[in-house]
N, C-alpha and C. Protein backbone atom coordinates (compact mmCIF):
# COMPACT_ATOMS: atom_id res chain seq x y z
N MET A 1 -37.33 1.70 75.12
CA MET A 1 -36.92 1.35 74.78
C MET A 1 -36.14 2.19 73.44
N SER A 2 -34.91 1.19 73.01
CA SER A 2 -33.98 2.02 71.95
C SER A 2 -34.64 2.55 70.76
N PRO A 3 -34.28 3.26 69.91
CA PRO A 3 -35.18 3.52 69.15
C PRO A 3 -34.64 2.76 68.04
N ALA A 4 -35.01 2.48 66.70
CA ALA A 4 -35.25 1.04 66.19
C ALA A 4 -34.56 1.46 64.98
N ALA A 5 -33.26 0.47 64.44
CA ALA A 5 -32.34 0.68 63.64
C ALA A 5 -33.04 0.40 62.21
N VAL A 6 -34.30 0.34 61.93
CA VAL A 6 -34.59 -0.02 60.67
C VAL A 6 -36.47 0.30 60.15
N SER A 7 -36.25 0.85 59.64
CA SER A 7 -37.95 1.63 59.45
C SER A 7 -38.20 2.18 58.16
N PRO A 8 -38.93 0.86 57.53
CA PRO A 8 -38.90 0.78 56.01
C PRO A 8 -40.51 2.06 55.99
N PRO A 9 -40.46 1.45 54.75
CA PRO A 9 -42.15 3.16 54.60
C PRO A 9 -43.93 1.87 54.70
N PHE A 10 -43.15 0.78 55.65
CA PHE A 10 -44.44 0.31 55.45
C PHE A 10 -44.89 0.22 57.23
N VAL A 11 -46.31 -0.80 57.17
CA VAL A 11 -46.09 -1.32 58.34
C VAL A 11 -46.32 -2.94 58.20
N VAL A 12 -45.11 -3.25 58.85
CA VAL A 12 -44.85 -4.96 58.40
C VAL A 12 -46.04 -5.90 59.42
N VAL A 13 -46.91 -6.46 59.42
CA VAL A 13 -47.66 -7.30 60.30
C VAL A 13 -47.24 -8.38 60.40
N VAL A 14 -47.00 -9.06 61.35
CA VAL A 14 -47.15 -10.61 62.11
C VAL A 14 -48.45 -11.33 62.19
N SER A 15 -49.06 -12.02 61.80
CA SER A 15 -49.76 -12.91 61.11
C SER A 15 -50.46 -14.39 61.51
N GLY A 16 -51.23 -15.53 61.52
CA GLY A 16 -51.04 -16.47 61.61
C GLY A 16 -52.07 -17.49 62.17
N LEU A 17 -52.27 -18.63 62.58
CA LEU A 17 -53.25 -19.03 63.43
C LEU A 17 -52.19 -18.87 64.00
N PRO A 18 -53.41 -19.15 65.48
CA PRO A 18 -53.25 -19.29 66.47
C PRO A 18 -51.58 -20.08 67.11
N ARG A 19 -50.93 -20.02 67.88
CA ARG A 19 -49.54 -21.12 68.39
C ARG A 19 -48.77 -21.30 66.80
N SER A 20 -48.51 -20.50 65.94
CA SER A 20 -47.98 -20.65 64.79
C SER A 20 -46.74 -20.37 65.27
N GLY A 21 -46.26 -19.42 65.65
CA GLY A 21 -44.78 -18.70 66.28
C GLY A 21 -44.99 -17.04 65.90
N THR A 22 -46.76 -16.91 66.28
CA THR A 22 -46.41 -15.11 65.72
C THR A 22 -45.59 -15.13 66.46
N SER A 23 -45.37 -14.85 67.90
CA SER A 23 -44.54 -14.24 69.57
C SER A 23 -43.27 -14.33 68.87
N MET A 24 -42.74 -15.24 68.74
CA MET A 24 -41.61 -15.82 68.24
C MET A 24 -40.97 -14.16 67.31
N MET A 25 -41.50 -13.98 66.30
CA MET A 25 -41.40 -13.81 64.67
C MET A 25 -41.30 -12.36 65.29
N MET A 26 -42.18 -11.14 66.35
CA MET A 26 -42.70 -10.67 66.53
C MET A 26 -41.20 -10.10 67.37
N LYS A 27 -40.32 -11.25 68.33
CA LYS A 27 -39.30 -10.69 69.22
C LYS A 27 -38.23 -11.21 68.12
N MET A 28 -37.92 -11.75 67.12
CA MET A 28 -37.07 -11.89 65.92
C MET A 28 -37.13 -9.96 65.24
N MET A 29 -38.23 -9.52 65.32
CA MET A 29 -38.21 -7.92 64.21
C MET A 29 -37.89 -7.72 65.17
N GLU A 30 -37.88 -7.14 66.29
CA GLU A 30 -37.13 -6.13 67.71
C GLU A 30 -36.07 -6.54 67.94
N ALA A 31 -35.34 -7.74 67.79
CA ALA A 31 -33.93 -8.40 68.22
C ALA A 31 -33.57 -7.77 66.92
N GLY A 32 -34.31 -7.53 65.75
CA GLY A 32 -33.33 -7.57 64.38
C GLY A 32 -33.23 -5.87 63.62
N GLY A 33 -33.80 -4.80 64.82
CA GLY A 33 -33.91 -3.46 64.44
C GLY A 33 -34.83 -2.84 63.97
N LEU A 34 -36.04 -3.39 64.30
CA LEU A 34 -37.26 -3.11 63.76
C LEU A 34 -38.36 -3.08 65.04
N GLY A 35 -38.86 -1.49 64.85
CA GLY A 35 -39.82 -1.06 66.32
C GLY A 35 -40.68 -1.89 66.24
N VAL A 36 -41.55 -2.25 67.43
CA VAL A 36 -42.39 -3.10 67.77
C VAL A 36 -43.65 -2.76 68.59
N ILE A 37 -44.81 -3.11 68.56
CA ILE A 37 -46.52 -2.11 68.88
C ILE A 37 -46.76 -3.37 69.62
N ALA A 38 -46.37 -3.22 70.93
CA ALA A 38 -46.94 -4.51 71.73
C ALA A 38 -47.03 -3.61 73.36
N ASP A 39 -48.39 -4.03 73.89
CA ASP A 39 -48.50 -2.58 75.24
C ASP A 39 -47.96 -3.23 76.28
N GLY A 40 -48.01 -4.98 77.01
CA GLY A 40 -47.65 -6.03 77.81
C GLY A 40 -48.04 -6.33 78.38
N LEU A 41 -49.70 -6.09 77.97
CA LEU A 41 -50.72 -6.89 78.85
C LEU A 41 -50.89 -7.65 79.27
N ARG A 42 -50.25 -8.74 78.50
CA ARG A 42 -50.31 -10.76 78.46
C ARG A 42 -49.19 -11.02 78.54
N ALA A 43 -48.85 -11.23 79.92
CA ALA A 43 -47.67 -11.26 80.14
C ALA A 43 -47.07 -12.63 80.06
N ALA A 44 -45.46 -12.54 80.15
CA ALA A 44 -44.89 -14.40 79.68
C ALA A 44 -45.21 -14.80 80.62
N ASP A 45 -45.47 -15.95 79.93
CA ASP A 45 -45.75 -17.18 80.42
C ASP A 45 -45.23 -18.77 80.58
N ILE A 46 -45.69 -19.87 81.33
CA ILE A 46 -45.41 -21.20 80.08
C ILE A 46 -45.32 -21.62 78.38
N ASP A 47 -46.70 -21.17 78.53
CA ASP A 47 -46.60 -21.04 76.94
C ASP A 47 -46.03 -20.41 76.49
N ASN A 48 -45.94 -19.16 75.85
CA ASN A 48 -44.95 -17.86 75.39
C ASN A 48 -44.34 -17.64 76.51
N PRO A 49 -43.10 -17.47 76.53
CA PRO A 49 -41.55 -17.34 78.12
C PRO A 49 -40.95 -16.25 77.30
N ASN A 50 -41.32 -16.03 76.39
CA ASN A 50 -40.29 -14.68 75.59
C ASN A 50 -41.72 -14.07 75.71
N GLY A 51 -42.72 -13.58 76.01
CA GLY A 51 -43.91 -12.53 76.07
C GLY A 51 -44.98 -13.06 74.78
N TYR A 52 -45.49 -12.39 74.64
CA TYR A 52 -46.94 -12.34 73.40
C TYR A 52 -46.35 -11.25 72.69
N TYR A 53 -46.13 -10.37 72.92
CA TYR A 53 -46.20 -8.60 71.89
C TYR A 53 -47.32 -8.69 71.28
N GLU A 54 -48.89 -8.48 72.65
CA GLU A 54 -49.78 -8.30 71.77
C GLU A 54 -50.26 -6.80 71.61
N PHE A 55 -50.90 -6.95 71.67
CA PHE A 55 -51.39 -4.98 71.37
C PHE A 55 -53.06 -4.85 71.40
N GLU A 56 -53.93 -4.33 72.51
CA GLU A 56 -55.48 -4.28 72.32
C GLU A 56 -55.72 -3.82 71.48
N PRO A 57 -55.44 -2.55 71.00
CA PRO A 57 -56.13 -1.56 70.26
C PRO A 57 -56.41 -1.75 68.48
N ALA A 58 -55.10 -3.10 68.70
CA ALA A 58 -55.66 -3.36 67.22
C ALA A 58 -56.30 -4.70 67.46
N LYS A 59 -56.94 -5.06 68.36
CA LYS A 59 -57.95 -5.89 68.13
C LYS A 59 -59.29 -5.48 67.63
N LYS A 60 -60.26 -4.25 68.02
CA LYS A 60 -60.72 -3.44 67.11
C LYS A 60 -60.63 -2.14 66.34
N ILE A 61 -59.61 -2.72 65.39
CA ILE A 61 -59.15 -2.16 64.46
C ILE A 61 -60.23 -1.91 63.30
N LYS A 62 -61.50 -2.34 63.54
CA LYS A 62 -62.83 -2.26 62.75
C LYS A 62 -62.99 -0.64 63.37
N GLU A 63 -63.05 -0.68 64.52
CA GLU A 63 -63.99 0.38 64.79
C GLU A 63 -63.18 1.77 65.26
N ASP A 64 -61.58 1.65 65.45
CA ASP A 64 -60.63 3.02 65.45
C ASP A 64 -59.74 1.97 64.95
N ALA A 65 -58.56 2.74 64.06
CA ALA A 65 -57.35 2.32 62.92
C ALA A 65 -56.52 3.09 63.17
N SER A 66 -57.12 4.28 64.18
CA SER A 66 -55.73 5.51 64.21
C SER A 66 -54.64 5.27 64.81
N TRP A 67 -54.13 4.26 65.06
CA TRP A 67 -52.58 3.70 66.04
C TRP A 67 -52.34 3.42 64.62
N LEU A 68 -52.64 3.12 63.69
CA LEU A 68 -52.39 2.67 61.96
C LEU A 68 -50.99 4.05 61.97
N ASN A 69 -51.55 5.63 62.60
CA ASN A 69 -50.60 6.49 62.07
C ASN A 69 -49.28 6.13 62.99
N GLU A 70 -48.97 5.81 63.89
CA GLU A 70 -47.63 5.18 64.17
C GLU A 70 -47.08 4.39 64.63
N ALA A 71 -47.55 3.34 63.35
CA ALA A 71 -47.00 2.54 62.95
C ALA A 71 -46.09 1.87 62.11
N THR A 72 -46.34 3.32 60.95
CA THR A 72 -45.29 2.93 59.86
C THR A 72 -43.67 2.65 60.26
N GLY A 73 -42.89 1.49 59.57
CA GLY A 73 -41.62 0.95 59.66
C GLY A 73 -41.58 0.66 60.83
N LYS A 74 -42.51 -0.16 61.22
CA LYS A 74 -43.18 -0.76 63.14
C LYS A 74 -43.45 -1.97 62.82
N ALA A 75 -43.52 -2.87 63.36
CA ALA A 75 -43.85 -4.51 63.38
C ALA A 75 -45.11 -4.43 64.34
N VAL A 76 -46.45 -4.51 64.35
CA VAL A 76 -47.25 -5.49 65.28
C VAL A 76 -48.30 -6.58 64.57
N LYS A 77 -48.43 -6.91 66.05
CA LYS A 77 -48.96 -8.40 65.80
C LYS A 77 -50.48 -8.66 65.24
N MET A 78 -51.28 -9.40 64.49
CA MET A 78 -52.81 -9.35 64.41
C MET A 78 -53.26 -10.45 63.60
N VAL A 79 -54.14 -11.58 64.80
CA VAL A 79 -54.64 -12.19 63.91
C VAL A 79 -55.35 -12.01 62.98
N TYR A 80 -55.02 -13.40 61.84
CA TYR A 80 -55.60 -12.83 60.63
C TYR A 80 -56.33 -12.27 60.16
N GLN A 81 -57.99 -12.74 60.91
CA GLN A 81 -58.82 -12.72 60.83
C GLN A 81 -59.29 -11.01 60.91
N LEU A 82 -58.43 -10.56 61.35
CA LEU A 82 -58.38 -8.71 61.64
C LEU A 82 -57.93 -8.29 60.33
N LEU A 83 -57.29 -8.59 59.36
CA LEU A 83 -56.44 -7.78 58.30
C LEU A 83 -57.28 -7.83 57.26
N TYR A 84 -58.48 -8.62 57.22
CA TYR A 84 -59.84 -8.23 56.73
C TYR A 84 -59.93 -6.05 56.36
N ASP A 85 -60.13 -5.81 57.78
CA ASP A 85 -60.31 -4.06 58.15
C ASP A 85 -59.10 -3.38 58.49
N LEU A 86 -58.41 -3.72 57.64
CA LEU A 86 -56.81 -3.17 57.92
C LEU A 86 -57.47 -1.96 56.42
N PRO A 87 -57.17 -0.46 56.31
CA PRO A 87 -57.29 0.83 56.18
C PRO A 87 -56.45 -0.28 54.84
N THR A 88 -57.12 0.50 53.73
CA THR A 88 -56.35 0.31 52.01
C THR A 88 -55.66 1.86 52.23
N ASP A 89 -55.34 2.46 53.14
CA ASP A 89 -55.09 3.62 52.41
C ASP A 89 -53.21 3.76 52.51
N ARG A 90 -52.21 2.96 53.16
CA ARG A 90 -51.58 2.85 53.71
C ARG A 90 -51.10 1.17 52.79
N THR A 91 -49.62 0.70 53.04
CA THR A 91 -49.14 -0.30 52.20
C THR A 91 -48.89 -1.44 53.23
N TYR A 92 -48.51 -2.98 53.69
CA TYR A 92 -48.21 -3.84 54.16
C TYR A 92 -47.75 -4.91 53.92
N ARG A 93 -46.40 -4.89 54.55
CA ARG A 93 -45.93 -6.63 54.43
C ARG A 93 -45.89 -7.38 55.60
N VAL A 94 -47.18 -8.28 55.10
CA VAL A 94 -47.44 -9.40 56.06
C VAL A 94 -46.63 -10.96 56.37
N LEU A 95 -45.49 -11.18 57.11
CA LEU A 95 -45.53 -12.29 57.47
C LEU A 95 -46.67 -13.44 58.59
N PHE A 96 -46.42 -14.31 57.61
CA PHE A 96 -47.34 -14.94 58.05
C PHE A 96 -46.80 -16.36 58.48
N MET A 97 -47.51 -16.95 59.17
CA MET A 97 -47.21 -17.75 60.29
C MET A 97 -47.11 -19.41 59.55
N ARG A 98 -46.78 -19.80 58.70
CA ARG A 98 -47.22 -21.16 59.28
C ARG A 98 -46.61 -22.66 59.78
N ARG A 99 -47.41 -23.23 60.60
CA ARG A 99 -46.82 -23.93 61.10
C ARG A 99 -47.76 -25.90 60.86
N ALA A 100 -46.99 -27.04 61.35
CA ALA A 100 -47.24 -27.75 60.96
C ALA A 100 -49.05 -28.08 61.72
N MET A 101 -50.67 -28.59 61.29
CA MET A 101 -51.62 -27.98 61.80
C MET A 101 -51.98 -29.41 63.02
N PRO A 102 -51.05 -30.63 62.86
CA PRO A 102 -51.03 -30.90 64.17
C PRO A 102 -50.92 -30.27 65.75
N GLU A 103 -49.45 -29.91 65.20
CA GLU A 103 -47.87 -28.95 66.10
C GLU A 103 -49.12 -27.88 66.67
N ILE A 104 -50.04 -27.01 65.38
CA ILE A 104 -51.22 -25.99 66.11
C ILE A 104 -51.96 -26.22 67.54
N LEU A 105 -52.80 -27.37 67.36
CA LEU A 105 -54.07 -28.31 66.89
C LEU A 105 -53.33 -28.65 68.69
N ALA A 106 -52.22 -29.03 69.46
CA ALA A 106 -51.78 -29.49 70.65
C ALA A 106 -51.24 -28.46 71.77
N SER A 107 -50.53 -27.46 70.37
CA SER A 107 -49.99 -26.35 71.47
C SER A 107 -51.52 -26.07 72.28
N GLN A 108 -52.62 -25.43 71.30
CA GLN A 108 -53.78 -24.62 71.73
C GLN A 108 -54.29 -25.70 72.67
N ARG A 109 -54.72 -26.92 72.34
CA ARG A 109 -55.38 -28.00 73.72
C ARG A 109 -53.81 -27.27 74.88
N LYS A 110 -52.72 -27.68 74.81
CA LYS A 110 -52.24 -27.69 76.11
C LYS A 110 -52.23 -26.52 76.57
N MET A 111 -52.85 -25.43 75.98
CA MET A 111 -52.74 -24.25 76.68
C MET A 111 -53.82 -23.63 77.18
N LEU A 112 -54.96 -24.49 76.89
CA LEU A 112 -56.58 -23.99 76.80
C LEU A 112 -56.46 -25.27 78.61
N GLU A 113 -55.93 -26.30 78.08
CA GLU A 113 -56.19 -27.15 79.67
C GLU A 113 -55.01 -26.43 81.16
N ARG A 114 -53.98 -25.76 80.96
CA ARG A 114 -53.02 -25.10 81.61
C ARG A 114 -54.10 -24.06 81.60
N LEU A 115 -55.02 -23.59 81.26
CA LEU A 115 -55.70 -22.59 81.47
C LEU A 115 -57.14 -22.47 82.25
N GLY A 116 -57.39 -24.31 82.51
CA GLY A 116 -58.77 -25.30 83.43
C GLY A 116 -60.11 -24.90 82.15
N ARG A 117 -59.04 -24.84 80.96
CA ARG A 117 -60.30 -24.80 79.49
C ARG A 117 -60.31 -26.27 78.96
N THR A 118 -61.04 -26.82 77.74
CA THR A 118 -61.86 -27.51 76.60
C THR A 118 -61.85 -26.80 75.66
N ASN A 119 -61.67 -26.98 74.58
CA ASN A 119 -62.08 -26.80 73.11
C ASN A 119 -63.04 -27.90 72.74
N PRO A 120 -64.17 -27.20 72.85
CA PRO A 120 -65.30 -28.79 72.78
C PRO A 120 -65.50 -28.52 71.14
N VAL A 121 -64.23 -28.20 70.32
CA VAL A 121 -63.82 -28.25 68.86
C VAL A 121 -62.51 -30.10 69.19
N PRO A 122 -63.67 -31.29 68.15
CA PRO A 122 -62.71 -31.89 68.19
C PRO A 122 -61.42 -31.73 67.00
N ASP A 123 -60.40 -32.17 67.25
CA ASP A 123 -59.18 -31.73 66.84
C ASP A 123 -59.07 -31.74 64.68
N GLU A 124 -60.05 -32.58 64.69
CA GLU A 124 -59.51 -32.93 63.01
C GLU A 124 -61.34 -31.83 62.46
N ASP A 125 -61.86 -31.36 63.35
CA ASP A 125 -63.01 -30.35 62.86
C ASP A 125 -62.42 -29.46 63.12
N MET A 126 -61.20 -29.13 64.33
CA MET A 126 -61.12 -28.02 63.56
C MET A 126 -59.46 -27.40 62.93
N ALA A 127 -58.98 -28.54 62.01
CA ALA A 127 -58.41 -28.63 61.33
C ALA A 127 -59.08 -28.22 60.01
N ARG A 128 -60.12 -28.84 59.68
CA ARG A 128 -60.97 -28.65 58.83
C ARG A 128 -61.39 -27.02 58.23
N LEU A 129 -61.43 -26.13 60.02
CA LEU A 129 -62.59 -25.10 60.29
C LEU A 129 -61.43 -24.04 59.53
N PHE A 130 -59.96 -24.38 60.54
CA PHE A 130 -58.55 -23.42 59.87
C PHE A 130 -58.28 -23.65 58.55
N GLU A 131 -58.46 -24.63 57.88
CA GLU A 131 -58.12 -24.41 56.79
C GLU A 131 -59.52 -23.90 55.54
N LYS A 132 -59.51 -24.23 55.88
CA LYS A 132 -61.05 -24.09 54.91
C LYS A 132 -60.69 -22.25 55.44
N GLN A 133 -60.81 -21.62 56.72
CA GLN A 133 -60.41 -20.05 56.34
C GLN A 133 -59.14 -19.95 55.72
N LEU A 134 -58.19 -20.57 55.78
CA LEU A 134 -57.27 -19.49 55.77
C LEU A 134 -57.59 -20.06 54.47
N ALA A 135 -57.65 -20.67 53.83
CA ALA A 135 -57.69 -20.67 51.76
C ALA A 135 -58.68 -19.34 51.12
N LYS A 136 -59.47 -19.14 52.20
CA LYS A 136 -60.20 -17.98 51.92
C LYS A 136 -59.90 -16.56 52.31
N PHE A 137 -58.63 -16.99 53.08
CA PHE A 137 -58.03 -15.76 53.34
C PHE A 137 -56.95 -14.89 52.14
N PHE A 138 -55.89 -16.21 51.97
CA PHE A 138 -55.25 -16.37 51.15
C PHE A 138 -55.89 -16.40 49.81
N ASN A 139 -57.07 -16.42 48.94
CA ASN A 139 -57.80 -15.89 48.51
C ASN A 139 -57.63 -14.88 47.61
N TRP A 140 -58.09 -14.00 49.45
CA TRP A 140 -58.94 -12.84 49.49
C TRP A 140 -57.42 -11.70 49.04
N ALA A 141 -56.17 -12.58 49.76
CA ALA A 141 -54.53 -11.20 50.23
C ALA A 141 -54.36 -11.68 48.77
N ALA A 142 -54.14 -12.32 48.04
CA ALA A 142 -53.63 -12.65 46.65
C ALA A 142 -54.23 -11.11 46.10
N ALA A 143 -55.58 -10.91 45.81
CA ALA A 143 -56.11 -9.83 45.21
C ALA A 143 -55.82 -8.27 45.78
N GLN A 144 -55.64 -8.20 47.17
CA GLN A 144 -55.00 -6.79 47.20
C GLN A 144 -54.03 -6.18 46.98
N ARG A 145 -53.91 -4.89 46.95
CA ARG A 145 -53.06 -4.01 46.20
C ARG A 145 -52.33 -3.27 47.33
N HIS A 146 -52.74 -3.33 48.43
CA HIS A 146 -52.86 -2.05 49.34
C HIS A 146 -51.55 -3.42 50.48
N LEU A 147 -51.25 -4.95 50.44
CA LEU A 147 -50.79 -5.89 50.92
C LEU A 147 -50.10 -6.72 50.47
N THR A 148 -49.11 -7.05 51.13
CA THR A 148 -47.95 -7.59 50.16
C THR A 148 -47.56 -8.98 51.24
N LEU A 149 -47.51 -10.61 50.60
CA LEU A 149 -47.60 -11.39 51.98
C LEU A 149 -46.66 -12.74 51.56
N MET A 150 -45.77 -12.88 53.10
CA MET A 150 -44.99 -13.52 52.12
C MET A 150 -45.55 -14.67 53.90
N GLU A 151 -45.19 -15.97 53.16
CA GLU A 151 -45.62 -17.04 54.21
C GLU A 151 -43.81 -17.77 54.89
N VAL A 152 -44.04 -17.46 56.22
CA VAL A 152 -42.90 -17.74 56.82
C VAL A 152 -43.49 -19.33 57.69
N ASP A 153 -42.59 -20.50 56.87
CA ASP A 153 -42.56 -21.74 57.62
C ASP A 153 -42.06 -21.57 58.92
N TYR A 154 -42.59 -22.31 60.16
CA TYR A 154 -42.41 -22.52 61.78
C TYR A 154 -40.82 -23.40 61.73
N ASN A 155 -41.92 -24.72 61.49
CA ASN A 155 -41.22 -25.35 61.46
C ASN A 155 -39.39 -25.52 60.34
N ARG A 156 -39.56 -25.14 59.48
CA ARG A 156 -38.17 -24.75 58.78
C ARG A 156 -37.52 -23.32 59.76
N MET A 157 -38.14 -22.57 60.05
CA MET A 157 -37.46 -21.65 61.26
C MET A 157 -36.80 -22.64 62.06
N ILE A 158 -36.99 -23.14 62.94
CA ILE A 158 -36.42 -23.35 63.71
C ILE A 158 -35.19 -24.87 63.38
N ALA A 159 -35.81 -25.26 61.88
CA ALA A 159 -34.10 -26.16 61.90
C ALA A 159 -33.58 -25.81 61.38
N ASP A 160 -33.81 -23.69 60.23
CA ASP A 160 -32.61 -23.38 59.50
C ASP A 160 -32.98 -21.56 59.55
N PRO A 161 -32.64 -21.66 60.40
CA PRO A 161 -33.10 -19.89 61.07
C PRO A 161 -32.00 -18.56 59.93
N PRO A 162 -30.98 -19.01 59.51
CA PRO A 162 -30.00 -18.49 58.43
C PRO A 162 -30.92 -18.75 56.90
N THR A 163 -31.52 -19.07 56.51
CA THR A 163 -31.61 -19.32 55.66
C THR A 163 -32.94 -18.24 55.27
N LEU A 164 -34.14 -18.49 56.15
CA LEU A 164 -35.38 -18.02 55.89
C LEU A 164 -35.38 -16.66 56.26
N ILE A 165 -34.20 -16.63 57.58
CA ILE A 165 -34.41 -15.27 57.55
C ILE A 165 -33.47 -14.36 56.73
N ALA A 166 -32.92 -15.04 56.17
CA ALA A 166 -32.26 -13.56 54.91
C ALA A 166 -33.48 -13.41 54.01
N SER A 167 -34.61 -14.30 54.16
CA SER A 167 -35.19 -14.50 52.70
C SER A 167 -36.19 -13.06 53.37
N ILE A 168 -36.51 -13.42 54.76
CA ILE A 168 -36.88 -12.41 55.18
C ILE A 168 -36.72 -10.53 55.24
N ASN A 169 -35.59 -10.76 55.56
CA ASN A 169 -35.21 -9.30 55.87
C ASN A 169 -35.11 -9.01 54.18
N GLN A 170 -34.53 -9.77 52.98
CA GLN A 170 -34.81 -9.04 51.56
C GLN A 170 -36.00 -8.29 51.34
N PHE A 171 -37.70 -9.71 52.31
CA PHE A 171 -38.64 -9.32 51.71
C PHE A 171 -39.30 -7.46 52.70
N LEU A 172 -38.54 -7.85 53.15
CA LEU A 172 -38.77 -6.04 54.62
C LEU A 172 -37.66 -5.23 53.99
N GLY A 173 -37.10 -5.57 52.90
CA GLY A 173 -35.95 -4.32 52.85
C GLY A 173 -34.60 -4.61 52.87
N GLY A 174 -34.23 -4.55 53.66
CA GLY A 174 -33.43 -4.92 53.99
C GLY A 174 -32.70 -4.10 55.54
N GLY A 175 -31.42 -4.30 56.09
CA GLY A 175 -31.41 -3.69 57.08
C GLY A 175 -31.42 -4.30 58.16
N LEU A 176 -32.14 -4.97 57.56
CA LEU A 176 -32.26 -5.67 59.61
C LEU A 176 -31.11 -6.93 60.23
N ASP A 177 -30.77 -7.19 61.39
CA ASP A 177 -29.53 -7.75 62.10
C ASP A 177 -29.95 -9.21 62.02
N GLU A 178 -29.37 -9.86 60.98
CA GLU A 178 -30.13 -11.21 60.36
C GLU A 178 -29.59 -12.31 61.61
N ALA A 179 -27.96 -12.02 62.59
CA ALA A 179 -27.33 -12.56 63.11
C ALA A 179 -28.62 -12.41 64.83
N ALA A 180 -28.47 -11.63 65.05
CA ALA A 180 -29.60 -11.01 65.96
C ALA A 180 -31.63 -11.89 66.35
N MET A 181 -31.32 -11.85 64.87
CA MET A 181 -32.76 -12.75 64.83
C MET A 181 -32.59 -14.01 64.53
N ALA A 182 -31.55 -14.59 64.49
CA ALA A 182 -31.41 -16.08 64.61
C ALA A 182 -30.87 -17.00 66.03
N ALA A 183 -30.93 -15.19 66.81
CA ALA A 183 -30.56 -16.10 67.81
C ALA A 183 -31.30 -16.40 69.25
N VAL A 184 -32.98 -15.28 68.53
CA VAL A 184 -34.29 -15.59 69.04
C VAL A 184 -34.32 -17.08 68.93
N VAL A 185 -34.69 -17.07 68.35
CA VAL A 185 -34.53 -18.62 67.46
C VAL A 185 -34.29 -19.90 68.88
N ASP A 186 -35.36 -20.30 69.42
CA ASP A 186 -34.71 -21.94 70.74
C ASP A 186 -35.84 -22.82 70.35
N PRO A 187 -34.81 -24.24 70.17
CA PRO A 187 -35.29 -25.06 69.57
C PRO A 187 -35.72 -25.19 70.38
N SER A 188 -35.37 -25.06 72.34
CA SER A 188 -36.13 -25.47 72.66
C SER A 188 -37.95 -25.38 73.16
N LEU A 189 -37.99 -24.69 72.32
CA LEU A 189 -39.24 -24.36 73.07
C LEU A 189 -40.40 -24.34 71.94
N HIS A 190 -40.05 -25.27 70.56
CA HIS A 190 -40.68 -26.12 69.95
C HIS A 190 -41.19 -27.42 70.59
N ARG A 191 -41.91 -27.31 71.52
CA ARG A 191 -42.52 -28.20 71.95
C ARG A 191 -43.55 -29.79 72.08
N ASN A 192 -43.95 -29.26 71.06
CA ASN A 192 -45.20 -29.92 70.25
C ASN A 192 -44.85 -30.12 68.91
N ARG A 193 -44.32 -30.99 68.69
CA ARG A 193 -43.49 -31.44 67.63
C ARG A 193 -44.54 -32.58 66.49
N ALA A 194 -44.99 -32.28 65.60
CA ALA A 194 -45.57 -33.58 64.30
C ALA A 194 -44.89 -34.51 64.77
N SER A 195 -45.57 -35.30 64.38
CA SER A 195 -44.82 -36.85 64.14
C SER A 195 -44.71 -37.68 62.94
């Protein structure tokens, strides 16, 4: 991996609900010149052709956060429930992916079907659960001094990447290659559209 072109003085966390565009955003961070923390254990597949950009130790941050010592100036993907366990002795900029809920649920359902699994929870109940969890999370995040959060609309990113990418670059302190980031956005991968 080539050295990162940009290294801000904080940890960049890419987060959101499952199937909300977090892997795309990680690839955009990498293309833009930011180092990324990922282990490559989960291989690219039909659901994420460009890779998942996951990092297994991030899932155990409550037990061991030592990997964060090498994370300043880089991006890591974390499911939003794990952000409650981020140590408060450093700063984080969080890119929180938002996507139309029907699309998230349809994408999740199709992925589970391909894996031969089904979600026993009806979509309507799942949507209510997600919305309740998100409301709690955003209330909590607004009161935290160690993290700053920017919501990123996946659907808007697909429709108009340059405007949103410029805002992301500004949020992260500048220096990212916006054209390279925009080149990552592939509308053909927006397969589960809200009606």
